[in-house]
């Protein structure tokens, strides 16, 4: 019985040592990979960014309040405004950089 306990103790010591060795190897590997990330040059030149970004200037009326915007099919932009108490939807075409359509949603006093 005592020989079985000695064998279990030896196995437990070996397993504990292996766990400690595994943790040391894990932290060593993480430290090396972190250092290699710092050595990499992740700088993106501003010329590359300028080539990818297309500016689109759109002037809204002074009294209009932008509520939401979303990108639709074929790179069309939908803008929702509140202008003079009415909801206004503006569809912009990014290819031609022009207003494609303006939809005014007016409130009606009739109850449904």
PDB file of N, CA and C in Angstrom:
ATOM      1  N   UNK A   1       0.818  -1.182   0.000  1.00  0.00           N
ATOM      2  CA  UNK A   1       0.000   0.000   0.000  1.00  0.00           C
ATOM      3  C   UNK A   1       0.871   1.259   0.000  1.00  0.00           C
ATOM      4  N   UNK A   2       1.937   1.238   0.818  1.00  0.00           N
ATOM      5  CA  UNK A   2       2.808   2.403   0.887  1.00  0.00           C
ATOM      6  C   UNK A   2       3.585   2.581  -0.412  1.00  0.00           C
ATOM      7  N   UNK A   3       3.831   1.479  -1.147  1.00  0.00           N
ATOM      8  CA  UNK A   3       4.543   1.599  -2.423  1.00  0.00           C
ATOM      9  C   UNK A   3       3.641   2.262  -3.468  1.00  0.00           C
ATOM     10  N   UNK A   4       2.333   2.004  -3.358  1.00  0.00           N
ATOM     11  CA  UNK A   4       1.383   2.655  -4.275  1.00  0.00           C
ATOM     12  C   UNK A   4       1.332   4.157  -4.024  1.00  0.00           C
ATOM     13  N   UNK A   5       1.399   4.563  -2.780  1.00  0.00           N
ATOM     14  CA  UNK A   5       1.366   5.983  -2.433  1.00  0.00           C
ATOM     15  C   UNK A   5       2.631   6.671  -2.931  1.00  0.00           C
ATOM     16  N   UNK A   6       3.774   5.971  -2.794  1.00  0.00           N
ATOM     17  CA  UNK A   6       5.025   6.537  -3.290  1.00  0.00           C
ATOM     18  C   UNK A   6       4.982   6.728  -4.811  1.00  0.00           C
ATOM     19  N   UNK A   7       4.428   5.763  -5.518  1.00  0.00           N
ATOM     20  CA  UNK A   7       4.314   5.852  -6.982  1.00  0.00           C
ATOM     21  C   UNK A   7       3.392   7.010  -7.353  1.00  0.00           C
ATOM     22  N   UNK A   8       2.283   7.170  -6.643  1.00  0.00           N
ATOM     23  CA  UNK A   8       1.338   8.269  -6.920  1.00  0.00           C
ATOM     24  C   UNK A   8       2.007   9.612  -6.645  1.00  0.00           C
ATOM     25  N   UNK A   9       2.797   9.700  -5.558  1.00  0.00           N
ATOM     26  CA  UNK A   9       3.509  10.946  -5.249  1.00  0.00           C
ATOM     27  C   UNK A   9       4.513  11.278  -6.348  1.00  0.00           C
ATOM     28  N   UNK A  10       5.233  10.285  -6.827  1.00  0.00           N
ATOM     29  CA  UNK A  10       6.222  10.506  -7.886  1.00  0.00           C
ATOM     30  C   UNK A  10       5.525  10.978  -9.171  1.00  0.00           C
ATOM     31  N   UNK A  11       4.404  10.333  -9.499  1.00  0.00           N
ATOM     32  CA  UNK A  11       3.634  10.734 -10.698  1.00  0.00           C
ATOM     33  C   UNK A  11       3.112  12.156 -10.536  1.00  0.00           C
ATOM     34  N   UNK A  12       2.618  12.512  -9.341  1.00  0.00           N
ATOM     35  CA  UNK A  12       2.113  13.862  -9.088  1.00  0.00           C
ATOM     36  C   UNK A  12       3.224  14.898  -9.208  1.00  0.00           C
ATOM     37  N   UNK A  13       4.414  14.585  -8.711  1.00  0.00           N
ATOM     38  CA  UNK A  13       5.553  15.509  -8.810  1.00  0.00           C
ATOM     39  C   UNK A  13       5.959  15.688 -10.266  1.00  0.00           C
ATOM     40  N   UNK A  14       5.982  14.595 -11.020  1.00  0.00           N
ATOM     41  CA  UNK A  14       6.348  14.674 -12.440  1.00  0.00           C
ATOM     42  C   UNK A  14       5.315  15.504 -13.206  1.00  0.00           C
ATOM     43  N   UNK A  15       4.022  15.265 -12.945  1.00  0.00           N
ATOM     44  CA  UNK A  15       2.971  16.022 -13.630  1.00  0.00           C
ATOM     45  C   UNK A  15       3.029  17.509 -13.255  1.00  0.00           C
ATOM     46  N   UNK A  16       3.284  17.792 -11.988  1.00  0.00           N
ATOM     47  CA  UNK A  16       3.421  19.190 -11.564  1.00  0.00           C
ATOM     48  C   UNK A  16       4.579  19.877 -12.255  1.00  0.00           C
ATOM     49  N   UNK A  17       5.695  19.161 -12.368  1.00  0.00           N
ATOM     50  CA  UNK A  17       6.855  19.715 -13.073  1.00  0.00           C
ATOM     51  C   UNK A  17       6.558  19.964 -14.543  1.00  0.00           C
ATOM     52  N   UNK A  18       5.835  19.033 -15.163  1.00  0.00           N
ATOM     53  CA  UNK A  18       5.467  19.209 -16.570  1.00  0.00           C
ATOM     54  C   UNK A  18       4.529  20.396 -16.760  1.00  0.00           C
ATOM     55  N   UNK A  19       3.616  20.594 -15.818  1.00  0.00           N
ATOM     56  CA  UNK A  19       2.705  21.744 -15.903  1.00  0.00           C
ATOM     57  C   UNK A  19       3.491  23.044 -15.792  1.00  0.00           C
ATOM     58  N   UNK A  20       4.408  23.108 -14.845  1.00  0.00           N
ATOM     59  CA  UNK A  20       5.232  24.316 -14.675  1.00  0.00           C
ATOM     60  C   UNK A  20       6.085  24.551 -15.914  1.00  0.00           C
ATOM     61  N   UNK A  21       6.681  23.485 -16.458  1.00  0.00           N
ATOM     62  CA  UNK A  21       7.480  23.599 -17.668  1.00  0.00           C
ATOM     63  C   UNK A  21       6.622  24.084 -18.847  1.00  0.00           C
ATOM     64  N   UNK A  22       5.404  23.575 -18.956  1.00  0.00           N
ATOM     65  CA  UNK A  22       4.489  24.012 -20.024  1.00  0.00           C
ATOM     66  C   UNK A  22       4.116  25.476 -19.889  1.00  0.00           C
ATOM     67  N   UNK A  23       3.870  25.945 -18.655  1.00  0.00           N
ATOM     68  CA  UNK A  23       3.548  27.357 -18.453  1.00  0.00           C
ATOM     69  C   UNK A  23       4.724  28.263 -18.805  1.00  0.00           C
ATOM     70  N   UNK A  24       5.924  27.832 -18.435  1.00  0.00           N
ATOM     71  CA  UNK A  24       7.117  28.615 -18.771  1.00  0.00           C
ATOM     72  C   UNK A  24       7.264  28.695 -20.290  1.00  0.00           C
ATOM     73  N   UNK A  25       7.079  27.582 -20.988  1.00  0.00           N
ATOM     74  CA  UNK A  25       7.184  27.573 -22.450  1.00  0.00           C
ATOM     75  C   UNK A  25       6.096  28.446 -23.079  1.00  0.00           C
ATOM     76  N   UNK A  26       4.894  28.431 -22.510  1.00  0.00           N
ATOM     77  CA  UNK A  26       3.800  29.254 -23.027  1.00  0.00           C
ATOM     78  C   UNK A  26       4.135  30.738 -22.913  1.00  0.00           C
ATOM     79  N   UNK A  27       4.579  31.170 -21.753  1.00  0.00           N
ATOM     80  CA  UNK A  27       4.908  32.580 -21.563  1.00  0.00           C
ATOM     81  C   UNK A  27       6.111  32.993 -22.409  1.00  0.00           C
ATOM     82  N   UNK A  28       7.066  32.105 -22.577  1.00  0.00           N
ATOM     83  CA  UNK A  28       8.219  32.396 -23.436  1.00  0.00           C
ATOM     84  C   UNK A  28       7.765  32.589 -24.892  1.00  0.00           C
ATOM     85  N   UNK A  29       6.906  31.719 -25.357  1.00  0.00           N
ATOM     86  CA  UNK A  29       6.384  31.841 -26.725  1.00  0.00           C
ATOM     87  C   UNK A  29       5.553  33.100 -26.914  1.00  0.00           C
ATOM     88  N   UNK A  30       4.723  33.442 -25.935  1.00  0.00           N
ATOM     89  CA  UNK A  30       3.934  34.666 -26.030  1.00  0.00           C
ATOM     90  C   UNK A  30       4.823  35.903 -26.047  1.00  0.00           C
ATOM     91  N   UNK A  31       5.874  35.888 -25.225  1.00  0.00           N
ATOM     92  CA  UNK A  31       6.789  37.030 -25.187  1.00  0.00           C
ATOM     93  C   UNK A  31       7.508  37.183 -26.524  1.00  0.00           C
ATOM     94  N   UNK A  32       7.921  36.094 -27.128  1.00  0.00           N
ATOM     95  CA  UNK A  32       8.595  36.162 -28.429  1.00  0.00           C
ATOM     96  C   UNK A  32       7.653  36.653 -29.522  1.00  0.00           C
ATOM     97  N   UNK A  33       6.421  36.177 -29.520  1.00  0.00           N
ATOM     98  CA  UNK A  33       5.483  36.615 -30.557  1.00  0.00           C
ATOM     99  C   UNK A  33       5.110  38.078 -30.365  1.00  0.00           C
ATOM    100  N   UNK A  34       5.021  38.541 -29.135  1.00  0.00           N
ATOM    101  CA  UNK A  34       4.731  39.956 -28.885  1.00  0.00           C
ATOM    102  C   UNK A  34       5.884  40.826 -29.359  1.00  0.00           C
ATOM    103  N   UNK A  35       7.111  40.387 -29.108  1.00  0.00           N
ATOM    104  CA  UNK A  35       8.276  41.152 -29.566  1.00  0.00           C
ATOM    105  C   UNK A  35       8.348  41.188 -31.082  1.00  0.00           C
ATOM    106  N   UNK A  36       7.965  40.110 -31.750  1.00  0.00           N
ATOM    107  CA  UNK A  36       8.001  40.105 -33.213  1.00  0.00           C
ATOM    108  C   UNK A  36       6.924  41.018 -33.784  1.00  0.00           C
ATOM    109  N   UNK A  37       5.815  41.195 -33.074  1.00  0.00           N
ATOM    110  CA  UNK A  37       4.789  42.129 -33.529  1.00  0.00           C
ATOM    111  C   UNK A  37       5.289  43.565 -33.462  1.00  0.00           C
ATOM    112  N   UNK A  38       6.061  43.882 -32.434  1.00  0.00           N
ATOM    113  CA  UNK A  38       6.596  45.228 -32.304  1.00  0.00           C
ATOM    114  C   UNK A  38       7.622  45.521 -33.399  1.00  0.00           C
ATOM    115  N   UNK A  39       8.337  44.494 -33.846  1.00  0.00           N
ATOM    116  CA  UNK A  39       9.374  44.695 -34.848  1.00  0.00           C
ATOM    117  C   UNK A  39       8.802  44.913 -36.239  1.00  0.00           C
ATOM    118  N   UNK A  40       7.592  44.410 -36.488  1.00  0.00           N
ATOM    119  CA  UNK A  40       6.983  44.564 -37.799  1.00  0.00           C
ATOM    120  C   UNK A  40       6.653  46.030 -38.037  1.00  0.00           C
ATOM    121  N   UNK A  41       6.771  46.447 -39.263  1.00  0.00           N
ATOM    122  CA  UNK A  41       6.462  47.818 -39.622  1.00  0.00           C
ATOM    123  C   UNK A  41       5.019  47.855 -40.110  1.00  0.00           C
ATOM    124  N   UNK A  42       4.118  48.324 -39.264  1.00  0.00           N
ATOM    125  CA  UNK A  42       2.696  48.367 -39.602  1.00  0.00           C
ATOM    126  C   UNK A  42       2.260  49.755 -40.046  1.00  0.00           C
ATOM    127  N   UNK A  43       3.200  50.596 -40.442  1.00  0.00           N
ATOM    128  CA  UNK A  43       2.849  51.940 -40.875  1.00  0.00           C
ATOM    129  C   UNK A  43       2.239  51.887 -42.261  1.00  0.00           C
ATOM    130  N   UNK A  44       1.079  52.516 -42.420  1.00  0.00           N
ATOM    131  CA  UNK A  44       0.427  52.619 -43.716  1.00  0.00           C
ATOM    132  C   UNK A  44       0.692  54.034 -44.211  1.00  0.00           C
ATOM    133  N   UNK A  45       1.215  54.133 -45.399  1.00  0.00           N
ATOM    134  CA  UNK A  45       1.542  55.464 -45.901  1.00  0.00           C
ATOM    135  C   UNK A  45       0.268  56.242 -46.172  1.00  0.00           C
ATOM    136  N   UNK A  46       0.341  57.547 -46.012  1.00  0.00           N
ATOM    137  CA  UNK A  46      -0.839  58.392 -46.229  1.00  0.00           C
ATOM    138  C   UNK A  46      -1.226  58.422 -47.695  1.00  0.00           C
ATOM    139  N   UNK A  47      -0.289  58.175 -48.595  1.00  0.00           N
ATOM    140  CA  UNK A  47      -0.619  58.144 -50.012  1.00  0.00           C
ATOM    141  C   UNK A  47      -1.572  56.996 -50.317  1.00  0.00           C
ATOM    142  N   UNK A  48      -1.372  55.862 -49.675  1.00  0.00           N
ATOM    143  CA  UNK A  48      -2.262  54.726 -49.874  1.00  0.00           C
ATOM    144  C   UNK A  48      -3.662  55.047 -49.379  1.00  0.00           C
ATOM    145  N   UNK A  49      -3.752  55.690 -48.228  1.00  0.00           N
ATOM    146  CA  UNK A  49      -5.061  56.038 -47.677  1.00  0.00           C
ATOM    147  C   UNK A  49      -5.758  57.054 -48.568  1.00  0.00           C
ATOM    148  N   UNK A  50      -5.029  58.034 -49.064  1.00  0.00           N
ATOM    149  CA  UNK A  50      -5.636  59.048 -49.909  1.00  0.00           C
ATOM    150  C   UNK A  50      -6.162  58.452 -51.210  1.00  0.00           C
ATOM    151  N   UNK A  51      -5.526  57.421 -51.703  1.00  0.00           N
ATOM    152  CA  UNK A  51      -5.984  56.801 -52.936  1.00  0.00           C
ATOM    153  C   UNK A  51      -7.284  56.034 -52.721  1.00  0.00           C
ATOM    154  N   UNK A  52      -7.465  55.465 -51.551  1.00  0.00           N
ATOM    155  CA  UNK A  52      -8.632  54.637 -51.298  1.00  0.00           C
ATOM    156  C   UNK A  52      -9.866  55.447 -50.924  1.00  0.00           C
ATOM    157  N   UNK A  53      -9.697  56.643 -50.393  1.00  0.00           N
ATOM    158  CA  UNK A  53     -10.818  57.441 -49.911  1.00  0.00           C
ATOM    159  C   UNK A  53     -11.293  58.381 -51.016  1.00  0.00           C
ATOM    160  N   UNK A  54     -12.578  58.314 -51.307  1.00  0.00           N
ATOM    161  CA  UNK A  54     -13.181  59.237 -52.261  1.00  0.00           C
ATOM    162  C   UNK A  54     -13.983  60.263 -51.479  1.00  0.00           C
ATOM    163  N   UNK A  55     -13.663  61.521 -51.654  1.00  0.00           N
ATOM    164  CA  UNK A  55     -14.406  62.554 -50.958  1.00  0.00           C
ATOM    165  C   UNK A  55     -15.682  62.852 -51.715  1.00  0.00           C
ATOM    166  N   UNK A  56     -16.718  63.094 -50.934  1.00  0.00           N
ATOM    167  CA  UNK A  56     -18.018  63.409 -51.500  1.00  0.00           C
ATOM    168  C   UNK A  56     -18.572  64.573 -50.703  1.00  0.00           C
ATOM    169  N   UNK A  57     -18.588  65.755 -51.286  1.00  0.00           N
ATOM    170  CA  UNK A  57     -19.070  66.936 -50.592  1.00  0.00           C
ATOM    171  C   UNK A  57     -20.537  67.159 -50.924  1.00  0.00           C
ATOM    172  N   UNK A  58     -21.349  67.310 -49.896  1.00  0.00           N
ATOM    173  CA  UNK A  58     -22.775  67.550 -50.060  1.00  0.00           C
ATOM    174  C   UNK A  58     -23.168  68.657 -49.100  1.00  0.00           C
ATOM    175  N   UNK A  59     -23.777  69.699 -49.618  1.00  0.00           N
ATOM    176  CA  UNK A  59     -24.202  70.822 -48.790  1.00  0.00           C
ATOM    177  C   UNK A  59     -25.681  70.661 -48.454  1.00  0.00           C
ATOM    178  N   UNK A  60     -25.984  70.659 -47.175  1.00  0.00           N
ATOM    179  CA  UNK A  60     -27.365  70.524 -46.735  1.00  0.00           C
ATOM    180  C   UNK A  60     -27.920  71.905 -46.407  1.00  0.00           C
ATOM    181  N   UNK A  61     -29.239  72.058 -46.437  1.00  0.00           N
ATOM    182  CA  UNK A  61     -29.824  73.343 -46.046  1.00  0.00           C
ATOM    183  C   UNK A  61     -29.472  73.688 -44.600  1.00  0.00           C
ATOM    184  N   UNK A  62     -29.399  74.973 -44.317  1.00  0.00           N
ATOM    185  CA  UNK A  62     -28.966  75.434 -43.001  1.00  0.00           C
ATOM    186  C   UNK A  62     -29.912  74.978 -41.898  1.00  0.00           C
ATOM    187  N   UNK A  63     -31.208  74.941 -42.168  1.00  0.00           N
ATOM    188  CA  UNK A  63     -32.207  74.589 -41.154  1.00  0.00           C
ATOM    189  C   UNK A  63     -32.457  73.084 -41.060  1.00  0.00           C
ATOM    190  N   UNK A  64     -31.819  72.289 -41.893  1.00  0.00           N
ATOM    191  CA  UNK A  64     -32.064  70.847 -41.914  1.00  0.00           C
ATOM    192  C   UNK A  64     -31.257  70.158 -40.821  1.00  0.00           C
ATOM    193  N   UNK A  65     -31.877  69.118 -40.249  1.00  0.00           N
ATOM    194  CA  UNK A  65     -31.202  68.324 -39.219  1.00  0.00           C
ATOM    195  C   UNK A  65     -31.090  66.892 -39.719  1.00  0.00           C
ATOM    196  N   UNK A  66     -29.857  66.390 -39.799  1.00  0.00           N
ATOM    197  CA  UNK A  66     -29.632  65.025 -40.267  1.00  0.00           C
ATOM    198  C   UNK A  66     -30.050  64.042 -39.186  1.00  0.00           C
ATOM    199  N   UNK A  67     -30.945  63.124 -39.527  1.00  0.00           N
ATOM    200  CA  UNK A  67     -31.425  62.118 -38.587  1.00  0.00           C
ATOM    201  C   UNK A  67     -30.650  60.817 -38.748  1.00  0.00           C
ATOM    202  N   UNK A  68     -30.491  60.362 -39.991  1.00  0.00           N
ATOM    203  CA  UNK A  68     -29.768  59.111 -40.214  1.00  0.00           C
ATOM    204  C   UNK A  68     -29.209  59.084 -41.629  1.00  0.00           C
ATOM    205  N   UNK A  69     -28.261  58.189 -41.831  1.00  0.00           N
ATOM    206  CA  UNK A  69     -27.699  57.966 -43.156  1.00  0.00           C
ATOM    207  C   UNK A  69     -27.379  56.489 -43.293  1.00  0.00           C
ATOM    208  N   UNK A  70     -27.489  55.998 -44.503  1.00  0.00           N
ATOM    209  CA  UNK A  70     -27.175  54.591 -44.741  1.00  0.00           C
ATOM    210  C   UNK A  70     -26.709  54.416 -46.178  1.00  0.00           C
ATOM    211  N   UNK A  71     -25.956  53.351 -46.387  1.00  0.00           N
ATOM    212  CA  UNK A  71     -25.433  53.025 -47.707  1.00  0.00           C
ATOM    213  C   UNK A  71     -26.305  51.929 -48.301  1.00  0.00           C
ATOM    214  N   UNK A  72     -26.807  52.166 -49.492  1.00  0.00           N
ATOM    215  CA  UNK A  72     -27.703  51.216 -50.133  1.00  0.00           C
ATOM    216  C   UNK A  72     -27.051  50.499 -51.285  1.00  0.00           C
ATOM    217  N   UNK A  73     -27.883  49.951 -52.157  1.00  0.00           N
ATOM    218  CA  UNK A  73     -27.395  49.235 -53.332  1.00  0.00           C
ATOM    219  C   UNK A  73     -26.675  50.193 -54.268  1.00  0.00           C
ATOM    220  N   UNK A  74     -25.748  49.659 -55.019  1.00  0.00           N
ATOM    221  CA  UNK A  74     -24.999  50.407 -56.034  1.00  0.00           C
ATOM    222  C   UNK A  74     -24.336  51.655 -55.470  1.00  0.00           C
ATOM    223  N   UNK A  75     -23.895  51.580 -54.212  1.00  0.00           N
ATOM    224  CA  UNK A  75     -23.208  52.692 -53.541  1.00  0.00           C
ATOM    225  C   UNK A  75     -24.032  53.972 -53.520  1.00  0.00           C
ATOM    226  N   UNK A  76     -25.317  53.838 -53.291  1.00  0.00           N
ATOM    227  CA  UNK A  76     -26.174  55.002 -53.118  1.00  0.00           C
ATOM    228  C   UNK A  76     -26.276  55.312 -51.637  1.00  0.00           C
ATOM    229  N   UNK A  77     -26.283  56.583 -51.317  1.00  0.00           N
ATOM    230  CA  UNK A  77     -26.375  57.010 -49.925  1.00  0.00           C
ATOM    231  C   UNK A  77     -27.773  57.561 -49.690  1.00  0.00           C
ATOM    232  N   UNK A  78     -28.412  57.085 -48.621  1.00  0.00           N
ATOM    233  CA  UNK A  78     -29.731  57.577 -48.241  1.00  0.00           C
ATOM    234  C   UNK A  78     -29.571  58.430 -46.996  1.00  0.00           C
ATOM    235  N   UNK A  79     -29.969  59.696 -47.095  1.00  0.00           N
ATOM    236  CA  UNK A  79     -29.913  60.625 -45.974  1.00  0.00           C
ATOM    237  C   UNK A  79     -31.326  60.975 -45.555  1.00  0.00           C
ATOM    238  N   UNK A  80     -31.593  60.951 -44.254  1.00  0.00           N
ATOM    239  CA  UNK A  80     -32.915  61.314 -43.732  1.00  0.00           C
ATOM    240  C   UNK A  80     -32.765  62.591 -42.926  1.00  0.00           C
ATOM    241  N   UNK A  81     -33.506  63.601 -43.329  1.00  0.00           N
ATOM    242  CA  UNK A  81     -33.454  64.906 -42.687  1.00  0.00           C
ATOM    243  C   UNK A  81     -34.814  65.274 -42.116  1.00  0.00           C
ATOM    244  N   UNK A  82     -34.785  66.170 -41.148  1.00  0.00           N
ATOM    245  CA  UNK A  82     -35.973  66.909 -40.725  1.00  0.00           C
ATOM    246  C   UNK A  82     -35.756  68.323 -41.242  1.00  0.00           C
ATOM    247  N   UNK A  83     -36.638  68.771 -42.136  1.00  0.00           N
ATOM    248  CA  UNK A  83     -36.500  70.095 -42.729  1.00  0.00           C
ATOM    249  C   UNK A  83     -37.865  70.758 -42.753  1.00  0.00           C
ATOM    250  N   UNK A  84     -37.985  71.879 -42.082  1.00  0.00           N
ATOM    251  CA  UNK A  84     -39.216  72.659 -41.981  1.00  0.00           C
ATOM    252  C   UNK A  84     -40.372  71.794 -41.486  1.00  0.00           C
ATOM    253  N   UNK A  85     -40.111  70.937 -40.527  1.00  0.00           N
ATOM    254  CA  UNK A  85     -41.148  70.110 -39.916  1.00  0.00           C
ATOM    255  C   UNK A  85     -41.522  68.866 -40.695  1.00  0.00           C
ATOM    256  N   UNK A  86     -40.898  68.624 -41.814  1.00  0.00           N
ATOM    257  CA  UNK A  86     -41.203  67.449 -42.642  1.00  0.00           C
ATOM    258  C   UNK A  86     -39.998  66.524 -42.697  1.00  0.00           C
ATOM    259  N   UNK A  87     -40.290  65.242 -42.885  1.00  0.00           N
ATOM    260  CA  UNK A  87     -39.221  64.279 -43.130  1.00  0.00           C
ATOM    261  C   UNK A  87     -38.819  64.372 -44.588  1.00  0.00           C
ATOM    262  N   UNK A  88     -37.529  64.403 -44.812  1.00  0.00           N
ATOM    263  CA  UNK A  88     -37.005  64.542 -46.157  1.00  0.00           C
ATOM    264  C   UNK A  88     -35.993  63.433 -46.394  1.00  0.00           C
ATOM    265  N   UNK A  89     -36.175  62.658 -47.447  1.00  0.00           N
ATOM    266  CA  UNK A  89     -35.243  61.600 -47.824  1.00  0.00           C
ATOM    267  C   UNK A  89     -34.490  62.036 -49.070  1.00  0.00           C
ATOM    268  N   UNK A  90     -33.171  61.980 -49.008  1.00  0.00           N
ATOM    269  CA  UNK A  90     -32.334  62.367 -50.140  1.00  0.00           C
ATOM    270  C   UNK A  90     -31.499  61.148 -50.534  1.00  0.00           C
ATOM    271  N   UNK A  91     -31.572  60.781 -51.806  1.00  0.00           N
ATOM    272  CA  UNK A  91     -30.785  59.666 -52.332  1.00  0.00           C
ATOM    273  C   UNK A  91     -29.664  60.253 -53.179  1.00  0.00           C
ATOM    274  N   UNK A  92     -28.426  59.964 -52.788  1.00  0.00           N
ATOM    275  CA  UNK A  92     -27.253  60.475 -53.496  1.00  0.00           C
ATOM    276  C   UNK A  92     -26.571  59.330 -54.234  1.00  0.00           C
ATOM    277  N   UNK A  93     -26.178  59.602 -55.455  1.00  0.00           N
ATOM    278  CA  UNK A  93     -25.422  58.623 -56.242  1.00  0.00           C
ATOM    279  C   UNK A  93     -23.944  58.939 -56.091  1.00  0.00           C
ATOM    280  N   UNK A  94     -23.180  58.011 -55.523  1.00  0.00           N
ATOM    281  CA  UNK A  94     -21.763  58.282 -55.270  1.00  0.00           C
ATOM    282  C   UNK A  94     -20.919  58.217 -56.540  1.00  0.00           C
ATOM    283  N   UNK A  95     -21.408  57.544 -57.564  1.00  0.00           N
ATOM    284  CA  UNK A  95     -20.634  57.453 -58.808  1.00  0.00           C
ATOM    285  C   UNK A  95     -20.639  58.791 -59.542  1.00  0.00           C
ATOM    286  N   UNK A  96     -21.820  59.382 -59.676  1.00  0.00           N
ATOM    287  CA  UNK A  96     -21.933  60.660 -60.377  1.00  0.00           C
ATOM    288  C   UNK A  96     -21.808  61.844 -59.429  1.00  0.00           C
ATOM    289  N   UNK A  97     -21.851  61.587 -58.123  1.00  0.00           N
ATOM    290  CA  UNK A  97     -21.757  62.608 -57.076  1.00  0.00           C
ATOM    291  C   UNK A  97     -22.848  63.664 -57.223  1.00  0.00           C
ATOM    292  N   UNK A  98     -24.057  63.192 -57.528  1.00  0.00           N
ATOM    293  CA  UNK A  98     -25.208  64.088 -57.677  1.00  0.00           C
ATOM    294  C   UNK A  98     -26.393  63.522 -56.910  1.00  0.00           C
ATOM    295  N   UNK A  99     -27.365  64.403 -56.655  1.00  0.00           N
ATOM    296  CA  UNK A  99     -28.596  63.978 -55.991  1.00  0.00           C
ATOM    297  C   UNK A  99     -29.426  63.190 -56.995  1.00  0.00           C
ATOM    298  N   UNK A 100     -29.796  61.989 -56.606  1.00  0.00           N
ATOM    299  CA  UNK A 100     -30.592  61.153 -57.506  1.00  0.00           C
ATOM    300  C   UNK A 100     -32.075  61.435 -57.351  1.00  0.00           C
ATOM    301  N   UNK A 101     -32.538  61.556 -56.101  1.00  0.00           N
ATOM    302  CA  UNK A 101     -33.929  61.900 -55.879  1.00  0.00           C
ATOM    303  C   UNK A 101     -34.109  62.479 -54.485  1.00  0.00           C
ATOM    304  N   UNK A 102     -35.172  63.291 -54.335  1.00  0.00           N
ATOM    305  CA  UNK A 102     -35.553  63.875 -53.052  1.00  0.00           C
ATOM    306  C   UNK A 102     -37.006  63.497 -52.810  1.00  0.00           C
ATOM    307  N   UNK A 103     -37.261  62.906 -51.654  1.00  0.00           N
ATOM    308  CA  UNK A 103     -38.613  62.480 -51.291  1.00  0.00           C
ATOM    309  C   UNK A 103     -39.009  63.246 -50.038  1.00  0.00           C
ATOM    310  N   UNK A 104     -40.124  63.959 -50.113  1.00  0.00           N
ATOM    311  CA  UNK A 104     -40.622  64.718 -48.964  1.00  0.00           C
ATOM    312  C   UNK A 104     -41.817  63.984 -48.385  1.00  0.00           C
ATOM    313  N   UNK A 105     -41.758  63.685 -47.104  1.00  0.00           N
ATOM    314  CA  UNK A 105     -42.857  63.030 -46.404  1.00  0.00           C
ATOM    315  C   UNK A 105     -43.535  64.080 -45.530  1.00  0.00           C
ATOM    316  N   UNK A 106     -44.723  64.504 -45.941  1.00  0.00           N
ATOM    317  CA  UNK A 106     -45.439  65.553 -45.217  1.00  0.00           C
ATOM    318  C   UNK A 106     -46.461  64.920 -44.290  1.00  0.00           C
ATOM    319  N   UNK A 107     -46.717  65.617 -43.184  1.00  0.00           N
ATOM    320  CA  UNK A 107     -47.720  65.135 -42.228  1.00  0.00           C
ATOM    321  C   UNK A 107     -49.089  65.620 -42.686  1.00  0.00           C
ATOM    322  N   UNK A 108     -50.053  64.714 -42.594  1.00  0.00           N
ATOM    323  CA  UNK A 108     -51.410  65.034 -42.964  1.00  0.00           C
ATOM    324  C   UNK A 108     -52.275  65.071 -41.725  1.00  0.00           C
ATOM    325  N   UNK A 109     -53.240  65.964 -41.683  1.00  0.00           N
ATOM    326  CA  UNK A 109     -54.079  66.121 -40.496  1.00  0.00           C
ATOM    327  C   UNK A 109     -55.194  65.097 -40.412  1.00  0.00           C
ATOM    328  N   UNK A 110     -55.433  64.328 -41.465  1.00  0.00           N
ATOM    329  CA  UNK A 110     -56.497  63.332 -41.496  1.00  0.00           C
ATOM    330  C   UNK A 110     -56.104  62.135 -40.641  1.00  0.00           C
ATOM    331  N   UNK A 111     -57.039  61.698 -39.777  1.00  0.00           N
ATOM    332  CA  UNK A 111     -56.782  60.509 -38.981  1.00  0.00           C
ATOM    333  C   UNK A 111     -57.173  59.270 -39.756  1.00  0.00           C
ATOM    334  N   UNK A 112     -56.490  58.191 -39.547  1.00  0.00           N
ATOM    335  CA  UNK A 112     -56.751  56.949 -40.259  1.00  0.00           C
ATOM    336  C   UNK A 112     -57.849  56.211 -39.611  1.00  0.00           C
TER     337      UNK A 112
END
